């Protein structure tokens, strides 16, 4: 009986996925009131990013590093066309042309701050780089490295398959958060209670999984949806996407480093 009850609540993640991922509506539009902006003066032009208040640890750390001059002189060390441009490695400031890059940081990481699906990897999103899940299961962000999404446009059918997986992820997370309650219901062999909890977790999942704005963005301006829920999105470009495109279209070597150095000359808070 206990195994059956637990199996029922977990397998519900597969049965309710037939519901349309387009149900409900949410807005990914940012509130421009009291949001911090940072200008990145690069060797190919200026980029202005806006930092989300809902990711305060990433926002405050980014502002701190900008004020310290940490980003002045760093290279865009990893550039992949139709994907993203990455920077923030302090070791890149003095790196020779054949020096491997991507391992530098300030000596600390930042707790993940996922605000999905409100903030996602649309074109122009600002997100924190990190090491892989094998070494970093909590998905903590690099203390300094970040990337700007360029991505590509997706068809609705292709996108819907990805979003059903995201919906399953939300449900599984809620199950994990309610493990103790599930355990108690199992011990009491309370089949009615566990079915009621299942229905409640499905309701909570549907409330979170409101993808209208996300679908609109990915099918029009594009992005990198497979990174959602994996890396913290903490801002977006509000000026200078033409500069981002210049950077992503540059020639790169086998390590995805531009063959001609592209750097952040100066980063500053926009007053």
C-alpha atoms as a PDB file:
ATOM      1  CA  UNK A   1       0.000   0.000   0.000  1.00  0.00           C
ATOM      2  CA  UNK A   2       2.742   2.487   0.955  1.00  0.00           C
ATOM      3  CA  UNK A   3       4.641   1.921  -2.276  1.00  0.00           C
ATOM      4  CA  UNK A   4       1.438   2.302  -4.269  1.00  0.00           C
ATOM      5  CA  UNK A   5       0.555   5.615  -2.628  1.00  0.00           C
ATOM      6  CA  UNK A   6       3.971   7.134  -3.214  1.00  0.00           C
ATOM      7  CA  UNK A   7       4.025   5.765  -6.778  1.00  0.00           C
ATOM      8  CA  UNK A   8       0.650   7.402  -7.416  1.00  0.00           C
ATOM      9  CA  UNK A   9       1.742  10.881  -6.407  1.00  0.00           C
ATOM     10  CA  UNK A  10       5.009  10.738  -8.349  1.00  0.00           C
ATOM     11  CA  UNK A  11       3.457   9.272 -11.492  1.00  0.00           C
ATOM     12  CA  UNK A  12       0.867  12.060 -11.500  1.00  0.00           C
ATOM     13  CA  UNK A  13       3.651  14.167 -12.984  1.00  0.00           C
ATOM     14  CA  UNK A  14       3.271  12.112 -16.145  1.00  0.00           C
ATOM     15  CA  UNK A  15      -0.528  12.083 -16.315  1.00  0.00           C
ATOM     16  CA  UNK A  16      -1.308  15.765 -15.873  1.00  0.00           C
ATOM     17  CA  UNK A  17       1.285  16.765 -18.479  1.00  0.00           C
ATOM     18  CA  UNK A  18      -1.394  16.378 -21.132  1.00  0.00           C
ATOM     19  CA  UNK A  19      -2.758  19.687 -19.902  1.00  0.00           C
ATOM     20  CA  UNK A  20      -1.788  22.541 -22.200  1.00  0.00           C
ATOM     21  CA  UNK A  21       1.401  24.341 -21.187  1.00  0.00           C
ATOM     22  CA  UNK A  22      -0.268  27.498 -22.419  1.00  0.00           C
ATOM     23  CA  UNK A  23      -2.893  27.582 -19.698  1.00  0.00           C
ATOM     24  CA  UNK A  24      -2.847  30.724 -17.578  1.00  0.00           C
ATOM     25  CA  UNK A  25      -0.868  33.878 -18.184  1.00  0.00           C
ATOM     26  CA  UNK A  26       2.082  35.579 -16.636  1.00  0.00           C
ATOM     27  CA  UNK A  27       4.187  38.544 -17.603  1.00  0.00           C
ATOM     28  CA  UNK A  28       7.961  38.550 -18.007  1.00  0.00           C
ATOM     29  CA  UNK A  29       7.939  42.303 -18.438  1.00  0.00           C
ATOM     30  CA  UNK A  30      10.123  43.953 -15.867  1.00  0.00           C
ATOM     31  CA  UNK A  31       9.080  46.744 -13.570  1.00  0.00           C
ATOM     32  CA  UNK A  32      11.420  49.595 -14.411  1.00  0.00           C
ATOM     33  CA  UNK A  33      10.875  51.354 -11.080  1.00  0.00           C
ATOM     34  CA  UNK A  34      13.966  51.436  -8.868  1.00  0.00           C
ATOM     35  CA  UNK A  35      15.888  48.905 -10.912  1.00  0.00           C
ATOM     36  CA  UNK A  36      19.666  49.213 -11.128  1.00  0.00           C
ATOM     37  CA  UNK A  37      21.249  49.665 -14.536  1.00  0.00           C
ATOM     38  CA  UNK A  38      24.861  48.974 -15.434  1.00  0.00           C
ATOM     39  CA  UNK A  39      26.691  50.170 -18.528  1.00  0.00           C
ATOM     40  CA  UNK A  40      29.332  47.916 -20.026  1.00  0.00           C
ATOM     41  CA  UNK A  41      31.634  49.922 -22.260  1.00  0.00           C
ATOM     42  CA  UNK A  42      33.155  47.317 -24.576  1.00  0.00           C
ATOM     43  CA  UNK A  43      35.688  47.564 -27.380  1.00  0.00           C
ATOM     44  CA  UNK A  44      32.795  47.138 -29.843  1.00  0.00           C
ATOM     45  CA  UNK A  45      30.341  49.547 -28.212  1.00  0.00           C
ATOM     46  CA  UNK A  46      28.174  50.028 -25.131  1.00  0.00           C
ATOM     47  CA  UNK A  47      25.736  47.562 -23.573  1.00  0.00           C
ATOM     48  CA  UNK A  48      23.309  48.580 -20.807  1.00  0.00           C
ATOM     49  CA  UNK A  49      21.832  45.887 -18.566  1.00  0.00           C
ATOM     50  CA  UNK A  50      19.087  46.136 -15.978  1.00  0.00           C
ATOM     51  CA  UNK A  51      19.306  44.021 -12.813  1.00  0.00           C
ATOM     52  CA  UNK A  52      16.254  42.290 -11.356  1.00  0.00           C
ATOM     53  CA  UNK A  53      15.290  43.074  -7.766  1.00  0.00           C
ATOM     54  CA  UNK A  54      13.925  39.531  -7.344  1.00  0.00           C
ATOM     55  CA  UNK A  55      17.488  38.178  -7.488  1.00  0.00           C
ATOM     56  CA  UNK A  56      18.994  40.375  -4.753  1.00  0.00           C
ATOM     57  CA  UNK A  57      22.136  38.345  -4.066  1.00  0.00           C
ATOM     58  CA  UNK A  58      23.165  38.400  -7.717  1.00  0.00           C
ATOM     59  CA  UNK A  59      22.163  42.050  -8.094  1.00  0.00           C
ATOM     60  CA  UNK A  60      24.116  43.209  -5.044  1.00  0.00           C
ATOM     61  CA  UNK A  61      27.180  41.149  -5.922  1.00  0.00           C
ATOM     62  CA  UNK A  62      27.206  42.483  -9.488  1.00  0.00           C
ATOM     63  CA  UNK A  63      26.917  46.068  -8.255  1.00  0.00           C
ATOM     64  CA  UNK A  64      29.724  45.470  -5.741  1.00  0.00           C
ATOM     65  CA  UNK A  65      32.072  44.117  -8.398  1.00  0.00           C
ATOM     66  CA  UNK A  66      31.232  46.950 -10.795  1.00  0.00           C
ATOM     67  CA  UNK A  67      31.998  49.569  -8.141  1.00  0.00           C
ATOM     68  CA  UNK A  68      35.307  47.832  -7.356  1.00  0.00           C
ATOM     69  CA  UNK A  69      36.340  47.948 -11.017  1.00  0.00           C
ATOM     70  CA  UNK A  70      36.453  44.147 -11.111  1.00  0.00           C
ATOM     71  CA  UNK A  71      35.101  43.944 -14.658  1.00  0.00           C
ATOM     72  CA  UNK A  72      37.287  46.691 -16.139  1.00  0.00           C
ATOM     73  CA  UNK A  73      39.557  45.000 -18.657  1.00  0.00           C
ATOM     74  CA  UNK A  74      38.050  41.487 -18.668  1.00  0.00           C
ATOM     75  CA  UNK A  75      37.620  39.714 -22.009  1.00  0.00           C
ATOM     76  CA  UNK A  76      34.633  38.057 -23.582  1.00  0.00           C
ATOM     77  CA  UNK A  77      36.421  34.730 -23.391  1.00  0.00           C
ATOM     78  CA  UNK A  78      33.642  32.416 -24.650  1.00  0.00           C
ATOM     79  CA  UNK A  79      31.456  33.386 -27.592  1.00  0.00           C
ATOM     80  CA  UNK A  80      29.099  31.005 -29.410  1.00  0.00           C
ATOM     81  CA  UNK A  81      26.965  32.322 -32.258  1.00  0.00           C
ATOM     82  CA  UNK A  82      23.212  31.866 -31.773  1.00  0.00           C
ATOM     83  CA  UNK A  83      23.815  30.898 -28.143  1.00  0.00           C
ATOM     84  CA  UNK A  84      25.533  33.417 -25.826  1.00  0.00           C
ATOM     85  CA  UNK A  85      28.548  35.623 -25.058  1.00  0.00           C
ATOM     86  CA  UNK A  86      30.385  35.054 -21.757  1.00  0.00           C
ATOM     87  CA  UNK A  87      32.765  37.179 -19.701  1.00  0.00           C
ATOM     88  CA  UNK A  88      33.802  37.906 -16.106  1.00  0.00           C
ATOM     89  CA  UNK A  89      36.958  35.790 -15.724  1.00  0.00           C
ATOM     90  CA  UNK A  90      39.511  38.040 -13.944  1.00  0.00           C
ATOM     91  CA  UNK A  91      42.368  35.918 -15.314  1.00  0.00           C
ATOM     92  CA  UNK A  92      41.460  37.077 -18.820  1.00  0.00           C
ATOM     93  CA  UNK A  93      42.772  40.597 -18.141  1.00  0.00           C
ATOM     94  CA  UNK A  94      46.376  39.510 -18.651  1.00  0.00           C
ATOM     95  CA  UNK A  95      45.860  36.305 -20.651  1.00  0.00           C
ATOM     96  CA  UNK A  96      47.953  35.542 -23.695  1.00  0.00           C
ATOM     97  CA  UNK A  97      46.277  34.415 -26.923  1.00  0.00           C
ATOM     98  CA  UNK A  98      46.647  30.685 -26.176  1.00  0.00           C
ATOM     99  CA  UNK A  99      45.774  30.814 -22.480  1.00  0.00           C
ATOM    100  CA  UNK A 100      42.767  28.638 -21.501  1.00  0.00           C
ATOM    101  CA  UNK A 101      40.135  30.779 -19.788  1.00  0.00           C
ATOM    102  CA  UNK A 102      36.915  30.270 -17.873  1.00  0.00           C
ATOM    103  CA  UNK A 103      38.197  29.116 -14.499  1.00  0.00           C
ATOM    104  CA  UNK A 104      38.703  32.468 -12.788  1.00  0.00           C
ATOM    105  CA  UNK A 105      36.444  34.007 -10.155  1.00  0.00           C
ATOM    106  CA  UNK A 106      36.586  36.137  -6.972  1.00  0.00           C
ATOM    107  CA  UNK A 107      36.946  33.054  -4.784  1.00  0.00           C
ATOM    108  CA  UNK A 108      33.288  32.496  -3.886  1.00  0.00           C
ATOM    109  CA  UNK A 109      29.985  31.368  -5.367  1.00  0.00           C
ATOM    110  CA  UNK A 110      26.411  32.659  -5.002  1.00  0.00           C
ATOM    111  CA  UNK A 111      23.313  30.711  -4.032  1.00  0.00           C
ATOM    112  CA  UNK A 112      21.024  30.029  -6.998  1.00  0.00           C
ATOM    113  CA  UNK A 113      18.074  32.428  -7.347  1.00  0.00           C
ATOM    114  CA  UNK A 114      15.713  30.921  -9.912  1.00  0.00           C
ATOM    115  CA  UNK A 115      12.659  33.093 -10.629  1.00  0.00           C
ATOM    116  CA  UNK A 116      11.216  30.872 -13.351  1.00  0.00           C
ATOM    117  CA  UNK A 117       9.013  31.248 -15.342  1.00  0.00           C
ATOM    118  CA  UNK A 118       8.887  35.014 -14.753  1.00  0.00           C
ATOM    119  CA  UNK A 119      12.521  35.381 -15.758  1.00  0.00           C
ATOM    120  CA  UNK A 120      13.910  33.057 -18.377  1.00  0.00           C
ATOM    121  CA  UNK A 121      16.626  32.727 -21.022  1.00  0.00           C
ATOM    122  CA  UNK A 122      15.096  34.937 -23.690  1.00  0.00           C
ATOM    123  CA  UNK A 123      17.308  36.830 -26.122  1.00  0.00           C
ATOM    124  CA  UNK A 124      19.102  39.543 -24.135  1.00  0.00           C
ATOM    125  CA  UNK A 125      18.840  37.791 -20.767  1.00  0.00           C
ATOM    126  CA  UNK A 126      21.717  38.321 -18.336  1.00  0.00           C
ATOM    127  CA  UNK A 127      22.581  35.136 -16.433  1.00  0.00           C
ATOM    128  CA  UNK A 128      25.269  33.767 -14.133  1.00  0.00           C
ATOM    129  CA  UNK A 129      27.704  31.111 -15.313  1.00  0.00           C
ATOM    130  CA  UNK A 130      28.545  28.180 -13.041  1.00  0.00           C
ATOM    131  CA  UNK A 131      30.290  24.839 -12.842  1.00  0.00           C
ATOM    132  CA  UNK A 132      28.425  21.678 -13.834  1.00  0.00           C
ATOM    133  CA  UNK A 133      25.943  19.678 -11.768  1.00  0.00           C
ATOM    134  CA  UNK A 134      28.471  16.898 -11.115  1.00  0.00           C
ATOM    135  CA  UNK A 135      30.537  19.248  -8.978  1.00  0.00           C
ATOM    136  CA  UNK A 136      27.817  21.748  -8.153  1.00  0.00           C
ATOM    137  CA  UNK A 137      24.482  19.988  -7.508  1.00  0.00           C
ATOM    138  CA  UNK A 138      23.060  23.099  -5.818  1.00  0.00           C
ATOM    139  CA  UNK A 139      23.687  25.034  -9.061  1.00  0.00           C
ATOM    140  CA  UNK A 140      25.434  27.867  -7.255  1.00  0.00           C
ATOM    141  CA  UNK A 141      26.551  30.694  -9.532  1.00  0.00           C
ATOM    142  CA  UNK A 142      30.072  31.868 -10.242  1.00  0.00           C
ATOM    143  CA  UNK A 143      30.954  34.898  -8.152  1.00  0.00           C
ATOM    144  CA  UNK A 144      31.765  36.930 -11.274  1.00  0.00           C
ATOM    145  CA  UNK A 145      31.280  35.164 -14.592  1.00  0.00           C
ATOM    146  CA  UNK A 146      28.115  35.926 -16.525  1.00  0.00           C
ATOM    147  CA  UNK A 147      26.698  35.591 -20.008  1.00  0.00           C
ATOM    148  CA  UNK A 148      24.238  37.390 -22.258  1.00  0.00           C
ATOM    149  CA  UNK A 149      21.855  35.209 -24.257  1.00  0.00           C
ATOM    150  CA  UNK A 150      21.524  35.529 -28.010  1.00  0.00           C
ATOM    151  CA  UNK A 151      19.960  32.154 -28.791  1.00  0.00           C
ATOM    152  CA  UNK A 152      17.623  31.266 -31.622  1.00  0.00           C
ATOM    153  CA  UNK A 153      13.904  31.252 -32.421  1.00  0.00           C
ATOM    154  CA  UNK A 154      11.989  28.037 -31.679  1.00  0.00           C
ATOM    155  CA  UNK A 155       8.866  26.596 -33.244  1.00  0.00           C
ATOM    156  CA  UNK A 156       5.839  26.167 -30.992  1.00  0.00           C
ATOM    157  CA  UNK A 157       5.764  22.365 -31.279  1.00  0.00           C
ATOM    158  CA  UNK A 158       9.461  22.055 -30.448  1.00  0.00           C
ATOM    159  CA  UNK A 159       9.071  24.431 -27.511  1.00  0.00           C
ATOM    160  CA  UNK A 160       6.030  22.678 -26.063  1.00  0.00           C
ATOM    161  CA  UNK A 161       7.999  19.481 -25.569  1.00  0.00           C
ATOM    162  CA  UNK A 162      10.606  21.388 -23.556  1.00  0.00           C
ATOM    163  CA  UNK A 163       7.935  23.094 -21.473  1.00  0.00           C
ATOM    164  CA  UNK A 164       6.264  19.816 -20.551  1.00  0.00           C
ATOM    165  CA  UNK A 165       9.617  18.750 -19.108  1.00  0.00           C
ATOM    166  CA  UNK A 166       9.812  22.038 -17.164  1.00  0.00           C
ATOM    167  CA  UNK A 167       6.321  21.392 -15.840  1.00  0.00           C
ATOM    168  CA  UNK A 168       7.377  17.948 -14.645  1.00  0.00           C
ATOM    169  CA  UNK A 169      10.384  19.525 -12.944  1.00  0.00           C
ATOM    170  CA  UNK A 170       8.123  21.914 -11.025  1.00  0.00           C
ATOM    171  CA  UNK A 171       5.916  19.044  -9.879  1.00  0.00           C
ATOM    172  CA  UNK A 172       8.875  16.920  -8.793  1.00  0.00           C
ATOM    173  CA  UNK A 173      10.304  19.850  -6.842  1.00  0.00           C
ATOM    174  CA  UNK A 174       7.003  20.262  -5.006  1.00  0.00           C
ATOM    175  CA  UNK A 175       6.962  16.540  -4.230  1.00  0.00           C
ATOM    176  CA  UNK A 176      10.446  16.794  -2.742  1.00  0.00           C
ATOM    177  CA  UNK A 177       9.384  19.809  -0.673  1.00  0.00           C
ATOM    178  CA  UNK A 178       6.489  17.767   0.750  1.00  0.00           C
ATOM    179  CA  UNK A 179       8.420  14.575   1.498  1.00  0.00           C
ATOM    180  CA  UNK A 180       7.709  14.691   5.229  1.00  0.00           C
ATOM    181  CA  UNK A 181       3.985  15.142   4.678  1.00  0.00           C
ATOM    182  CA  UNK A 182       3.993  12.279   2.159  1.00  0.00           C
ATOM    183  CA  UNK A 183       5.862  10.069   4.647  1.00  0.00           C
ATOM    184  CA  UNK A 184       3.276  10.734   7.360  1.00  0.00           C
ATOM    185  CA  UNK A 185       0.396   9.969   5.016  1.00  0.00           C
ATOM    186  CA  UNK A 186       2.105   6.744   3.971  1.00  0.00           C
ATOM    187  CA  UNK A 187       2.642   5.655   7.561  1.00  0.00           C
ATOM    188  CA  UNK A 188      -1.043   6.304   8.287  1.00  0.00           C
ATOM    189  CA  UNK A 189      -2.036   4.515   5.064  1.00  0.00           C
ATOM    190  CA  UNK A 190      -4.176   7.577   4.324  1.00  0.00           C
ATOM    191  CA  UNK A 191      -5.000   7.014   0.672  1.00  0.00           C
ATOM    192  CA  UNK A 192      -7.597   9.802   0.586  1.00  0.00           C
ATOM    193  CA  UNK A 193      -5.116  12.228   2.105  1.00  0.00           C
ATOM    194  CA  UNK A 194      -2.367  11.431  -0.346  1.00  0.00           C
ATOM    195  CA  UNK A 195      -4.726  11.805  -3.302  1.00  0.00           C
ATOM    196  CA  UNK A 196      -5.817  15.174  -1.897  1.00  0.00           C
ATOM    197  CA  UNK A 197      -2.162  16.193  -1.605  1.00  0.00           C
ATOM    198  CA  UNK A 198      -1.567  15.032  -5.160  1.00  0.00           C
ATOM    199  CA  UNK A 199      -4.412  17.247  -6.363  1.00  0.00           C
ATOM    200  CA  UNK A 200      -3.018  20.185  -4.391  1.00  0.00           C
ATOM    201  CA  UNK A 201       0.476  19.751  -5.846  1.00  0.00           C
ATOM    202  CA  UNK A 202      -1.007  19.582  -9.330  1.00  0.00           C
ATOM    203  CA  UNK A 203      -2.882  22.813  -8.602  1.00  0.00           C
ATOM    204  CA  UNK A 204       0.311  24.482  -7.382  1.00  0.00           C
ATOM    205  CA  UNK A 205       2.178  23.256 -10.454  1.00  0.00           C
ATOM    206  CA  UNK A 206      -0.452  24.687 -12.796  1.00  0.00           C
ATOM    207  CA  UNK A 207      -0.267  27.992 -10.917  1.00  0.00           C
ATOM    208  CA  UNK A 208       3.515  28.166 -11.420  1.00  0.00           C
ATOM    209  CA  UNK A 209       3.635  26.783 -14.947  1.00  0.00           C
ATOM    210  CA  UNK A 210       2.150  29.767 -16.734  1.00  0.00           C
ATOM    211  CA  UNK A 211       4.151  30.016 -19.920  1.00  0.00           C
ATOM    212  CA  UNK A 212       2.326  32.446 -22.229  1.00  0.00           C
ATOM    213  CA  UNK A 213       4.976  35.199 -22.154  1.00  0.00           C
ATOM    214  CA  UNK A 214       7.766  32.664 -22.334  1.00  0.00           C
ATOM    215  CA  UNK A 215       6.245  30.997 -25.403  1.00  0.00           C
ATOM    216  CA  UNK A 216       5.735  34.360 -27.067  1.00  0.00           C
ATOM    217  CA  UNK A 217       9.373  35.350 -26.506  1.00  0.00           C
ATOM    218  CA  UNK A 218      10.951  32.078 -27.576  1.00  0.00           C
ATOM    219  CA  UNK A 219       8.849  31.872 -30.759  1.00  0.00           C
ATOM    220  CA  UNK A 220       9.505  35.496 -31.790  1.00  0.00           C
ATOM    221  CA  UNK A 221      12.794  36.934 -30.498  1.00  0.00           C
ATOM    222  CA  UNK A 222      14.284  33.582 -29.424  1.00  0.00           C
ATOM    223  CA  UNK A 223      16.568  32.468 -26.628  1.00  0.00           C
ATOM    224  CA  UNK A 224      17.941  29.298 -25.004  1.00  0.00           C
ATOM    225  CA  UNK A 225      15.024  27.553 -23.216  1.00  0.00           C
ATOM    226  CA  UNK A 226      16.999  24.427 -22.292  1.00  0.00           C
ATOM    227  CA  UNK A 227      18.961  26.526 -19.755  1.00  0.00           C
ATOM    228  CA  UNK A 228      15.849  27.566 -17.796  1.00  0.00           C
ATOM    229  CA  UNK A 229      15.902  26.351 -14.218  1.00  0.00           C
ATOM    230  CA  UNK A 230      19.574  25.454 -14.591  1.00  0.00           C
ATOM    231  CA  UNK A 231      21.252  28.870 -14.383  1.00  0.00           C
ATOM    232  CA  UNK A 232      20.185  32.034 -12.547  1.00  0.00           C
ATOM    233  CA  UNK A 233      18.800  34.792 -14.790  1.00  0.00           C
ATOM    234  CA  UNK A 234      19.325  38.076 -12.933  1.00  0.00           C
ATOM    235  CA  UNK A 235      18.844  40.835 -15.506  1.00  0.00           C
ATOM    236  CA  UNK A 236      18.487  41.742 -19.162  1.00  0.00           C
ATOM    237  CA  UNK A 237      19.918  43.992 -21.838  1.00  0.00           C
ATOM    238  CA  UNK A 238      17.920  47.193 -22.280  1.00  0.00           C
ATOM    239  CA  UNK A 239      20.314  48.938 -24.704  1.00  0.00           C
ATOM    240  CA  UNK A 240      23.002  47.660 -27.030  1.00  0.00           C
ATOM    241  CA  UNK A 241      21.796  44.298 -28.359  1.00  0.00           C
ATOM    242  CA  UNK A 242      23.372  45.359 -31.666  1.00  0.00           C
ATOM    243  CA  UNK A 243      26.708  45.356 -29.830  1.00  0.00           C
ATOM    244  CA  UNK A 244      25.945  41.911 -28.386  1.00  0.00           C
ATOM    245  CA  UNK A 245      25.310  40.709 -31.941  1.00  0.00           C
ATOM    246  CA  UNK A 246      28.615  42.161 -33.121  1.00  0.00           C
ATOM    247  CA  UNK A 247      30.359  40.196 -30.403  1.00  0.00           C
ATOM    248  CA  UNK A 248      28.522  36.940 -31.121  1.00  0.00           C
ATOM    249  CA  UNK A 249      29.322  37.201 -34.824  1.00  0.00           C
ATOM    250  CA  UNK A 250      33.067  37.561 -34.302  1.00  0.00           C
ATOM    251  CA  UNK A 251      35.518  34.866 -35.419  1.00  0.00           C
ATOM    252  CA  UNK A 252      36.505  32.473 -32.640  1.00  0.00           C
ATOM    253  CA  UNK A 253      39.113  29.760 -32.092  1.00  0.00           C
ATOM    254  CA  UNK A 254      38.607  26.107 -31.121  1.00  0.00           C
ATOM    255  CA  UNK A 255      37.961  27.159 -27.497  1.00  0.00           C
ATOM    256  CA  UNK A 256      35.237  29.639 -28.595  1.00  0.00           C
ATOM    257  CA  UNK A 257      37.469  32.576 -27.677  1.00  0.00           C
ATOM    258  CA  UNK A 258      37.421  35.496 -30.121  1.00  0.00           C
ATOM    259  CA  UNK A 259      40.595  35.511 -32.231  1.00  0.00           C
ATOM    260  CA  UNK A 260      40.760  39.286 -31.736  1.00  0.00           C
ATOM    261  CA  UNK A 261      40.288  40.230 -28.084  1.00  0.00           C
ATOM    262  CA  UNK A 262      36.987  41.896 -27.179  1.00  0.00           C
ATOM    263  CA  UNK A 263      36.945  43.384 -23.701  1.00  0.00           C
ATOM    264  CA  UNK A 264      34.880  45.326 -21.224  1.00  0.00           C
ATOM    265  CA  UNK A 265      36.821  48.583 -21.060  1.00  0.00           C
ATOM    266  CA  UNK A 266      34.782  49.893 -18.135  1.00  0.00           C
ATOM    267  CA  UNK A 267      31.661  48.895 -16.215  1.00  0.00           C
ATOM    268  CA  UNK A 268      29.720  51.578 -14.321  1.00  0.00           C
ATOM    269  CA  UNK A 269      26.417  52.111 -12.546  1.00  0.00           C
ATOM    270  CA  UNK A 270      23.975  54.213 -14.555  1.00  0.00           C
ATOM    271  CA  UNK A 271      22.864  57.066 -12.285  1.00  0.00           C
END
